[in-house]
Amino acid sequence: MSRAPIPPLVERLIAVITEDSLEVGDRYPSEANLCERFGMSRTAVRHALAQMEGTGLLATVHGKRRAVLVLSTSREES
């Protein structure tokens, strides 16, 4: 059984972890920063971030934004 392809915005947001040299536990950039950086709507960015949270790459820490949970390549292993 194959996995559904990762949407392009999600791939770009996953790449932020590497591009910004983020480590496990580091704060992930804010929604506003990501909207400006990629020229995308807040709705699109929130949807992509929710997908990343659903796969366990990010976690929302109340009052401290999102944090990196796992370091990943641009594609999750099957």
C-alpha atoms as a PDB file:
ATOM      1  CA  MET A   1       0.000   0.000   0.000  1.00  0.00           C
ATOM      2  CA  SER A   2       1.485   3.352  -1.016  1.00  0.00           C
ATOM      3  CA  ARG A   3       1.156   6.599   0.875  1.00  0.00           C
ATOM      4  CA  ALA A   4      -0.552   9.636  -0.547  1.00  0.00           C
ATOM      5  CA  PRO A   5       1.898  12.142  -1.988  1.00  0.00           C
ATOM      6  CA  ILE A   6       2.961  15.005   0.271  1.00  0.00           C
ATOM      7  CA  PRO A   7       1.466  18.321  -0.919  1.00  0.00           C
ATOM      8  CA  PRO A   8       4.056  20.844  -2.197  1.00  0.00           C
ATOM      9  CA  LEU A   9       3.463  23.385   0.609  1.00  0.00           C
ATOM     10  CA  VAL A  10       3.944  20.686   3.239  1.00  0.00           C
ATOM     11  CA  GLU A  11       7.229  19.682   1.559  1.00  0.00           C
ATOM     12  CA  ARG A  12       8.349  23.325   1.635  1.00  0.00           C
ATOM     13  CA  LEU A  13       7.441  23.654   5.312  1.00  0.00           C
ATOM     14  CA  ILE A  14       9.273  20.420   6.150  1.00  0.00           C
ATOM     15  CA  ALA A  15      12.334  21.816   4.337  1.00  0.00           C
ATOM     16  CA  VAL A  16      12.266  24.823   6.726  1.00  0.00           C
ATOM     17  CA  ILE A  17      13.555  22.490   9.460  1.00  0.00           C
ATOM     18  CA  THR A  18      16.746  21.864   7.467  1.00  0.00           C
ATOM     19  CA  GLU A  19      17.037  25.336   5.919  1.00  0.00           C
ATOM     20  CA  ASP A  20      16.782  27.058   9.314  1.00  0.00           C
ATOM     21  CA  SER A  21      19.034  24.439  11.007  1.00  0.00           C
ATOM     22  CA  LEU A  22      16.314  23.611  13.526  1.00  0.00           C
ATOM     23  CA  GLU A  23      16.866  20.851  16.058  1.00  0.00           C
ATOM     24  CA  VAL A  24      14.421  18.755  18.071  1.00  0.00           C
ATOM     25  CA  GLY A  25      12.763  21.019  20.634  1.00  0.00           C
ATOM     26  CA  ASP A  26      13.450  24.239  18.695  1.00  0.00           C
ATOM     27  CA  ARG A  27      10.581  26.633  18.044  1.00  0.00           C
ATOM     28  CA  TYR A  28       9.208  26.422  14.523  1.00  0.00           C
ATOM     29  CA  PRO A  29       8.629  29.745  12.679  1.00  0.00           C
ATOM     30  CA  SER A  30       5.296  31.484  13.292  1.00  0.00           C
ATOM     31  CA  GLU A  31       2.348  31.300  10.912  1.00  0.00           C
ATOM     32  CA  ALA A  32       2.832  34.989  10.075  1.00  0.00           C
ATOM     33  CA  ASN A  33       6.502  34.385   9.233  1.00  0.00           C
ATOM     34  CA  LEU A  34       5.643  31.412   7.030  1.00  0.00           C
ATOM     35  CA  CYS A  35       2.856  33.303   5.227  1.00  0.00           C
ATOM     36  CA  GLU A  36       5.273  36.100   4.385  1.00  0.00           C
ATOM     37  CA  ARG A  37       8.144  33.744   3.522  1.00  0.00           C
ATOM     38  CA  PHE A  38       6.115  31.634   1.082  1.00  0.00           C
ATOM     39  CA  GLY A  39       3.495  34.162  -0.056  1.00  0.00           C
ATOM     40  CA  MET A  40       0.677  31.879   1.070  1.00  0.00           C
ATOM     41  CA  SER A  41      -2.561  32.512   2.943  1.00  0.00           C
ATOM     42  CA  ARG A  42      -2.795  31.808   6.663  1.00  0.00           C
ATOM     43  CA  THR A  43      -5.436  29.156   5.909  1.00  0.00           C
ATOM     44  CA  ALA A  44      -3.066  27.276   3.570  1.00  0.00           C
ATOM     45  CA  VAL A  45      -0.196  27.498   6.057  1.00  0.00           C
ATOM     46  CA  ARG A  46      -2.400  26.348   8.964  1.00  0.00           C
ATOM     47  CA  HIS A  47      -3.625  23.372   6.939  1.00  0.00           C
ATOM     48  CA  ALA A  48      -0.048  22.352   6.064  1.00  0.00           C
ATOM     49  CA  LEU A  49       1.099  22.782   9.677  1.00  0.00           C
ATOM     50  CA  ALA A  50      -1.809  20.615  10.856  1.00  0.00           C
ATOM     51  CA  GLN A  51      -0.640  17.895   8.481  1.00  0.00           C
ATOM     52  CA  MET A  52       2.875  18.142   9.908  1.00  0.00           C
ATOM     53  CA  GLU A  53       1.495  17.922  13.440  1.00  0.00           C
ATOM     54  CA  GLY A  54      -0.574  14.905  12.398  1.00  0.00           C
ATOM     55  CA  THR A  55       2.541  13.076  11.231  1.00  0.00           C
ATOM     56  CA  GLY A  56       4.411  13.900  14.433  1.00  0.00           C
ATOM     57  CA  LEU A  57       6.957  16.349  13.003  1.00  0.00           C
ATOM     58  CA  LEU A  58       5.689  19.295  15.039  1.00  0.00           C
ATOM     59  CA  ALA A  59       3.835  19.807  18.287  1.00  0.00           C
ATOM     60  CA  THR A  60       1.974  22.840  19.535  1.00  0.00           C
ATOM     61  CA  VAL A  61       3.247  23.916  22.936  1.00  0.00           C
ATOM     62  CA  HIS A  62       0.648  26.114  24.637  1.00  0.00           C
ATOM     63  CA  GLY A  63       1.925  29.673  24.809  1.00  0.00           C
ATOM     64  CA  LYS A  64       5.206  28.845  23.059  1.00  0.00           C
ATOM     65  CA  ARG A  65       4.188  28.251  19.424  1.00  0.00           C
ATOM     66  CA  ARG A  66       5.053  25.051  17.608  1.00  0.00           C
ATOM     67  CA  ALA A  67       8.143  22.986  18.332  1.00  0.00           C
ATOM     68  CA  VAL A  68      10.066  20.489  16.214  1.00  0.00           C
ATOM     69  CA  LEU A  69       9.532  16.917  17.466  1.00  0.00           C
ATOM     70  CA  VAL A  70      11.476  14.948  14.886  1.00  0.00           C
ATOM     71  CA  LEU A  71      14.130  15.737  12.328  1.00  0.00           C
ATOM     72  CA  SER A  72      13.018  14.582   8.914  1.00  0.00           C
ATOM     73  CA  THR A  73      14.018  14.464   5.299  1.00  0.00           C
ATOM     74  CA  SER A  74      11.574  15.938   2.802  1.00  0.00           C
ATOM     75  CA  ARG A  75       9.825  12.541   2.566  1.00  0.00           C
ATOM     76  CA  GLU A  76       8.752  10.385   5.458  1.00  0.00           C
ATOM     77  CA  GLU A  77       9.902   6.767   5.354  1.00  0.00           C
ATOM     78  CA  SER A  78       7.252   4.164   4.548  1.00  0.00           C
END
